[in-house]
C-alpha atoms as a PDB file:
ATOM      1  CA  MET A   1      70.430  29.759 101.264  1.00  0.00           C
ATOM      2  CA  SER A   2      68.326  29.858 104.470  1.00  0.00           C
ATOM      3  CA  LYS A   3      67.909  33.381 103.870  1.00  0.00           C
ATOM      4  CA  LYS A   4      64.435  34.396 104.833  1.00  0.00           C
ATOM      5  CA  ALA A   5      62.157  37.103 103.374  1.00  0.00           C
ATOM      6  CA  ALA A   6      58.652  39.291 103.466  1.00  0.00           C
ATOM      7  CA  VAL A   7      57.139  41.649 101.033  1.00  0.00           C
ATOM      8  CA  LEU A   8      54.630  43.578 102.219  1.00  0.00           C
ATOM      9  CA  LEU A   9      51.444  43.809 100.569  1.00  0.00           C
ATOM     10  CA  ALA A  10      49.154  45.753 100.348  1.00  0.00           C
ATOM     11  CA  ASN A  11      45.954  46.951  98.581  1.00  0.00           C
ATOM     12  CA  GLY A  12      46.748  49.161  95.834  1.00  0.00           C
ATOM     13  CA  PHE A  13      50.311  47.907  95.478  1.00  0.00           C
ATOM     14  CA  GLU A  14      51.664  47.187  92.270  1.00  0.00           C
ATOM     15  CA  GLU A  15      52.320  43.511  90.997  1.00  0.00           C
ATOM     16  CA  GLY A  16      55.413  43.437  89.205  1.00  0.00           C
ATOM     17  CA  GLU A  17      57.233  45.070  92.000  1.00  0.00           C
ATOM     18  CA  GLY A  18      55.824  42.649  94.370  1.00  0.00           C
ATOM     19  CA  LEU A  19      54.818  39.669  92.841  1.00  0.00           C
ATOM     20  CA  PHE A  20      58.086  39.508  90.260  1.00  0.00           C
ATOM     21  CA  VAL A  21      60.601  40.258  93.792  1.00  0.00           C
ATOM     22  CA  ILE A  22      58.949  37.267  95.776  1.00  0.00           C
ATOM     23  CA  ASP A  23      59.267  34.471  92.475  1.00  0.00           C
ATOM     24  CA  VAL A  24      63.527  36.047  92.177  1.00  0.00           C
ATOM     25  CA  LEU A  25      63.807  36.068  96.159  1.00  0.00           C
ATOM     26  CA  ARG A  26      62.089  32.170  95.906  1.00  0.00           C
ATOM     27  CA  ARG A  27      63.906  30.911  92.229  1.00  0.00           C
ATOM     28  CA  ALA A  28      67.141  32.187  94.725  1.00  0.00           C
ATOM     29  CA  GLY A  29      66.365  29.527  96.780  1.00  0.00           C
ATOM     30  CA  VAL A  30      65.113  32.739  99.790  1.00  0.00           C
ATOM     31  CA  ILE A  31      62.806  31.788 101.975  1.00  0.00           C
ATOM     32  CA  CYS A  32      60.388  34.511 101.141  1.00  0.00           C
ATOM     33  CA  ASP A  33      56.586  35.382 101.864  1.00  0.00           C
ATOM     34  CA  SER A  34      53.891  37.543 101.151  1.00  0.00           C
ATOM     35  CA  VAL A  35      52.788  39.252 103.995  1.00  0.00           C
ATOM     36  CA  GLY A  36      48.945  41.169 103.970  1.00  0.00           C
ATOM     37  CA  VAL A  37      49.490  44.474 105.782  1.00  0.00           C
ATOM     38  CA  GLU A  38      45.295  45.039 106.006  1.00  0.00           C
ATOM     39  CA  GLY A  39      44.390  41.379 105.362  1.00  0.00           C
ATOM     40  CA  ARG A  40      45.419  37.993 103.878  1.00  0.00           C
ATOM     41  CA  ASP A  41      43.380  39.045 100.028  1.00  0.00           C
ATOM     42  CA  VAL A  42      45.235  41.583  98.332  1.00  0.00           C
ATOM     43  CA  THR A  43      43.934  43.410  95.455  1.00  0.00           C
ATOM     44  CA  GLY A  44      47.123  45.247  93.533  1.00  0.00           C
ATOM     45  CA  SER A  45      47.202  48.423  91.444  1.00  0.00           C
ATOM     46  CA  HIS A  46      45.440  47.042  87.865  1.00  0.00           C
ATOM     47  CA  GLY A  47      43.429  44.938  89.604  1.00  0.00           C
ATOM     48  CA  ILE A  48      45.367  41.930  90.127  1.00  0.00           C
ATOM     49  CA  ARG A  49      44.092  39.555  93.728  1.00  0.00           C
ATOM     50  CA  VAL A  50      46.278  37.680  95.685  1.00  0.00           C
ATOM     51  CA  THR A  51      45.857  35.821  98.912  1.00  0.00           C
ATOM     52  CA  ALA A  52      49.243  36.840 100.856  1.00  0.00           C
ATOM     53  CA  ASP A  53      50.840  34.032 102.971  1.00  0.00           C
ATOM     54  CA  LEU A  54      50.328  35.356 106.271  1.00  0.00           C
ATOM     55  CA  LEU A  55      48.946  38.894 108.429  1.00  0.00           C
ATOM     56  CA  ILE A  56      51.944  41.538 109.538  1.00  0.00           C
ATOM     57  CA  LYS A  57      50.009  41.002 112.657  1.00  0.00           C
ATOM     58  CA  ASP A  58      50.838  36.554 112.822  1.00  0.00           C
ATOM     59  CA  ALA A  59      54.845  37.722 111.263  1.00  0.00           C
ATOM     60  CA  ASP A  60      57.849  37.088 113.520  1.00  0.00           C
ATOM     61  CA  ILE A  61      59.902  39.742 112.666  1.00  0.00           C
ATOM     62  CA  ASP A  62      63.343  38.590 114.230  1.00  0.00           C
ATOM     63  CA  SER A  63      63.063  35.539 111.192  1.00  0.00           C
ATOM     64  CA  TYR A  64      63.522  38.184 108.526  1.00  0.00           C
ATOM     65  CA  ASP A  65      66.522  39.251 106.912  1.00  0.00           C
ATOM     66  CA  LEU A  66      65.533  41.172 103.949  1.00  0.00           C
ATOM     67  CA  VAL A  67      62.094  43.518 104.160  1.00  0.00           C
ATOM     68  CA  VAL A  68      60.432  44.528 101.286  1.00  0.00           C
ATOM     69  CA  LEU A  69      57.909  47.716  99.950  1.00  0.00           C
ATOM     70  CA  PRO A  70      56.909  47.075  96.751  1.00  0.00           C
ATOM     71  CA  GLY A  71      55.324  50.430  95.663  1.00  0.00           C
ATOM     72  CA  GLY A  72      51.982  51.050  93.875  1.00  0.00           C
ATOM     73  CA  LEU A  73      49.632  53.389  94.886  1.00  0.00           C
ATOM     74  CA  PRO A  74      47.509  53.331  96.775  1.00  0.00           C
ATOM     75  CA  GLY A  75      49.409  50.677  98.641  1.00  0.00           C
ATOM     76  CA  ALA A  76      52.799  52.100  99.411  1.00  0.00           C
ATOM     77  CA  ASP A  77      51.119  54.766 101.074  1.00  0.00           C
ATOM     78  CA  THR A  78      48.734  52.417 102.823  1.00  0.00           C
ATOM     79  CA  LEU A  79      53.154  51.221 104.187  1.00  0.00           C
ATOM     80  CA  ARG A  80      53.621  54.625 104.933  1.00  0.00           C
ATOM     81  CA  ASP A  81      50.686  55.100 107.615  1.00  0.00           C
ATOM     82  CA  ASP A  82      50.929  51.976 108.626  1.00  0.00           C
ATOM     83  CA  GLU A  83      53.003  52.244 112.870  1.00  0.00           C
ATOM     84  CA  THR A  84      53.821  48.233 112.204  1.00  0.00           C
ATOM     85  CA  VAL A  85      55.369  48.650 108.725  1.00  0.00           C
ATOM     86  CA  VAL A  86      57.100  51.825 109.534  1.00  0.00           C
ATOM     87  CA  SER A  87      58.471  50.333 112.863  1.00  0.00           C
ATOM     88  CA  TRP A  88      59.833  47.143 110.995  1.00  0.00           C
ATOM     89  CA  VAL A  89      61.406  49.231 108.391  1.00  0.00           C
ATOM     90  CA  ARG A  90      63.083  51.491 111.021  1.00  0.00           C
ATOM     91  CA  ARG A  91      64.490  48.620 112.597  1.00  0.00           C
ATOM     92  CA  PHE A  92      65.588  46.651 110.071  1.00  0.00           C
ATOM     93  CA  ALA A  93      67.206  49.772 108.860  1.00  0.00           C
ATOM     94  CA  LEU A  94      68.699  50.249 112.822  1.00  0.00           C
ATOM     95  CA  SER A  95      70.071  46.656 112.527  1.00  0.00           C
ATOM     96  CA  SER A  96      74.226  45.459 110.971  1.00  0.00           C
ATOM     97  CA  ASP A  97      72.661  42.200 110.111  1.00  0.00           C
ATOM     98  CA  LYS A  98      69.301  42.847 108.025  1.00  0.00           C
ATOM     99  CA  LEU A  99      67.991  44.418 104.778  1.00  0.00           C
ATOM    100  CA  VAL A 100      64.903  46.760 103.614  1.00  0.00           C
ATOM    101  CA  GLY A 101      64.315  46.970  99.504  1.00  0.00           C
ATOM    102  CA  ALA A 102      61.958  49.643  98.289  1.00  0.00           C
ATOM    103  CA  ILE A 103      60.902  50.202  95.162  1.00  0.00           C
ATOM    104  CA  CYS A 104      58.606  52.956  93.099  1.00  0.00           C
ATOM    105  CA  ALA A 105      56.388  55.097  94.966  1.00  0.00           C
ATOM    106  CA  ALA A 106      57.739  52.719  98.657  1.00  0.00           C
ATOM    107  CA  PRO A 107      60.405  54.623  99.647  1.00  0.00           C
ATOM    108  CA  GLN A 108      58.756  56.430 100.799  1.00  0.00           C
ATOM    109  CA  VAL A 109      58.610  54.776 104.308  1.00  0.00           C
ATOM    110  CA  LEU A 110      61.694  55.459 104.268  1.00  0.00           C
ATOM    111  CA  ALA A 111      61.853  58.418 104.714  1.00  0.00           C
ATOM    112  CA  LYS A 112      58.338  58.270 107.464  1.00  0.00           C
ATOM    113  CA  ALA A 113      60.850  56.343 108.937  1.00  0.00           C
ATOM    114  CA  GLY A 114      63.231  58.846 109.808  1.00  0.00           C
ATOM    115  CA  ILE A 115      66.430  56.526 108.725  1.00  0.00           C
ATOM    116  CA  VAL A 116      67.392  58.763 105.235  1.00  0.00           C
ATOM    117  CA  LYS A 117      69.040  61.556 106.333  1.00  0.00           C
ATOM    118  CA  GLY A 118      72.887  61.631 103.937  1.00  0.00           C
ATOM    119  CA  LYS A 119      71.404  58.644 102.864  1.00  0.00           C
ATOM    120  CA  ARG A 120      72.109  57.710  98.639  1.00  0.00           C
ATOM    121  CA  VAL A 121      68.419  57.146  97.380  1.00  0.00           C
ATOM    122  CA  THR A 122      66.102  56.873  94.986  1.00  0.00           C
ATOM    123  CA  SER A 123      62.265  56.747  94.476  1.00  0.00           C
ATOM    124  CA  TYR A 124      59.667  56.972  91.167  1.00  0.00           C
ATOM    125  CA  PRO A 125      61.115  60.124  89.182  1.00  0.00           C
ATOM    126  CA  GLY A 126      58.604  63.353  90.023  1.00  0.00           C
ATOM    127  CA  GLU A 127      59.232  66.080  92.106  1.00  0.00           C
ATOM    128  CA  ASN A 128      56.457  65.093  95.197  1.00  0.00           C
ATOM    129  CA  PHE A 129      59.364  62.442  95.607  1.00  0.00           C
ATOM    130  CA  LYS A 130      62.683  65.195  95.584  1.00  0.00           C
ATOM    131  CA  ALA A 131      60.299  66.815  98.194  1.00  0.00           C
ATOM    132  CA  ILE A 132      60.282  63.960 100.597  1.00  0.00           C
ATOM    133  CA  PHE A 133      63.704  62.549 100.613  1.00  0.00           C
ATOM    134  CA  ALA A 134      65.177  66.816 100.376  1.00  0.00           C
ATOM    135  CA  GLU A 135      67.552  65.636 103.390  1.00  0.00           C
ATOM    136  CA  ALA A 136      68.491  62.314 101.824  1.00  0.00           C
ATOM    137  CA  GLN A 137      71.495  62.412  98.446  1.00  0.00           C
ATOM    138  CA  TYR A 138      68.730  61.574  96.107  1.00  0.00           C
ATOM    139  CA  VAL A 139      69.763  60.033  92.912  1.00  0.00           C
ATOM    140  CA  ASP A 140      67.588  60.913  89.996  1.00  0.00           C
ATOM    141  CA  ASP A 141      68.796  58.976  87.140  1.00  0.00           C
ATOM    142  CA  ASN A 142      65.959  57.702  84.475  1.00  0.00           C
ATOM    143  CA  ARG A 143      68.326  55.584  82.344  1.00  0.00           C
ATOM    144  CA  LEU A 144      68.069  51.504  83.626  1.00  0.00           C
ATOM    145  CA  THR A 145      71.784  51.729  84.422  1.00  0.00           C
ATOM    146  CA  GLU A 146      73.345  50.529  87.528  1.00  0.00           C
ATOM    147  CA  GLU A 147      72.135  53.509  88.767  1.00  0.00           C
ATOM    148  CA  CYS A 148      68.594  52.241  88.983  1.00  0.00           C
ATOM    149  CA  VAL A 149      69.139  50.400  92.385  1.00  0.00           C
ATOM    150  CA  VAL A 150      70.594  52.665  94.639  1.00  0.00           C
ATOM    151  CA  VAL A 151      72.412  50.813  97.465  1.00  0.00           C
ATOM    152  CA  ASP A 152      73.628  52.971 100.965  1.00  0.00           C
ATOM    153  CA  GLY A 153      74.618  50.458 103.690  1.00  0.00           C
ATOM    154  CA  ASN A 154      71.487  47.787 104.470  1.00  0.00           C
ATOM    155  CA  LEU A 155      69.078  50.785 102.452  1.00  0.00           C
ATOM    156  CA  ILE A 156      68.149  49.744  98.529  1.00  0.00           C
ATOM    157  CA  THR A 157      65.898  51.533  96.794  1.00  0.00           C
ATOM    158  CA  SER A 158      64.480  51.600  93.092  1.00  0.00           C
ATOM    159  CA  ARG A 159      62.600  53.489  90.196  1.00  0.00           C
ATOM    160  CA  GLY A 160      59.949  51.551  89.606  1.00  0.00           C
ATOM    161  CA  PRO A 161      58.010  48.991  88.057  1.00  0.00           C
ATOM    162  CA  ALA A 162      60.702  48.368  85.203  1.00  0.00           C
ATOM    163  CA  THR A 163      63.597  48.313  87.433  1.00  0.00           C
ATOM    164  CA  THR A 164      62.291  45.082  89.591  1.00  0.00           C
ATOM    165  CA  LEU A 165      63.876  42.594  88.480  1.00  0.00           C
ATOM    166  CA  PRO A 166      67.476  44.789  88.494  1.00  0.00           C
ATOM    167  CA  PHE A 167      66.249  45.816  91.952  1.00  0.00           C
ATOM    168  CA  ALA A 168      64.871  41.826  92.756  1.00  0.00           C
ATOM    169  CA  TYR A 169      68.734  40.412  92.009  1.00  0.00           C
ATOM    170  CA  LYS A 170      70.298  42.543  94.231  1.00  0.00           C
ATOM    171  CA  LEU A 171      68.466  41.931  96.779  1.00  0.00           C
ATOM    172  CA  VAL A 172      69.646  38.134  96.221  1.00  0.00           C
ATOM    173  CA  GLU A 173      73.145  39.577  95.562  1.00  0.00           C
ATOM    174  CA  LEU A 174      73.260  41.402  99.322  1.00  0.00           C
ATOM    175  CA  LEU A 175      71.523  37.977 100.687  1.00  0.00           C
ATOM    176  CA  GLY A 176      74.673  36.317  99.502  1.00  0.00           C
ATOM    177  CA  GLY A 177      72.500  34.543  96.587  1.00  0.00           C
ATOM    178  CA  ASP A 178      73.893  33.328  92.812  1.00  0.00           C
ATOM    179  CA  ALA A 179      71.808  36.449  90.804  1.00  0.00           C
ATOM    180  CA  GLU A 180      74.499  36.285  88.125  1.00  0.00           C
ATOM    181  CA  ALA A 181      72.653  32.217  87.771  1.00  0.00           C
ATOM    182  CA  LEU A 182      70.056  33.762  88.203  1.00  0.00           C
ATOM    183  CA  LYS A 183      70.242  36.480  85.416  1.00  0.00           C
ATOM    184  CA  GLU A 184      71.997  33.926  83.138  1.00  0.00           C
ATOM    185  CA  GLY A 185      68.550  31.369  83.562  1.00  0.00           C
ATOM    186  CA  MET A 186      66.120  34.223  83.100  1.00  0.00           C
ATOM    187  CA  GLN A 187      67.460  35.479  80.113  1.00  0.00           C
ATOM    188  CA  TYR A 188      67.521  38.469  81.672  1.00  0.00           C
ATOM    189  CA  ASN A 189      71.692  38.951  80.486  1.00  0.00           C
ATOM    190  CA  ALA A 190      70.809  38.006  77.030  1.00  0.00           C
ATOM    191  CA  LEU A 191      68.027  40.608  76.276  1.00  0.00           C
ATOM    192  CA  LYS A 192      70.893  43.379  77.612  1.00  0.00           C
ATOM    193  CA  GLU A 193      72.893  42.502  75.306  1.00  0.00           C
ATOM    194  CA  SER A 194      70.600  42.948  72.719  1.00  0.00           C
ATOM    195  CA  LEU A 195      69.237  46.566  73.936  1.00  0.00           C
END
């Protein structure tokens, strides 16, 4: 697969939502860069330190097919308040051949970019998030069904840490990869059947 993704990392990002998405995308053959927004050394919301592959200022935006925004606080707030991130998100959302993925608290960046009006989106549950998405068709389903990942055009949103794998598999699928083989190989299907 010759697709390329950027997972944007800011201090306080939700580690599972960032790192597991990178892992799944790479397993699928996607070239996936971890991109530091504040610096290359990034500390997640639970104290896990990682070194990003490159800085956002050094990344070639046009080379990516997908930009992914992990949640976690204050990481998602930092993404929301960074004009370069908001610019990337807006540019990808307006492109017919690019994808934007956001999970947990990070879909607020989509609202900040002004791209959610009339769109089906979801996020971490809570009244504050519902208010952020007043102009969107907000999907408020806490069950871990297919609705835990909402796709509207080229926007892909999801609920939170427990929905990271379905979110990542959907990204692989939308990039043209074999998500079903990954689900089988990673024992996701076996787990799902046993629940």
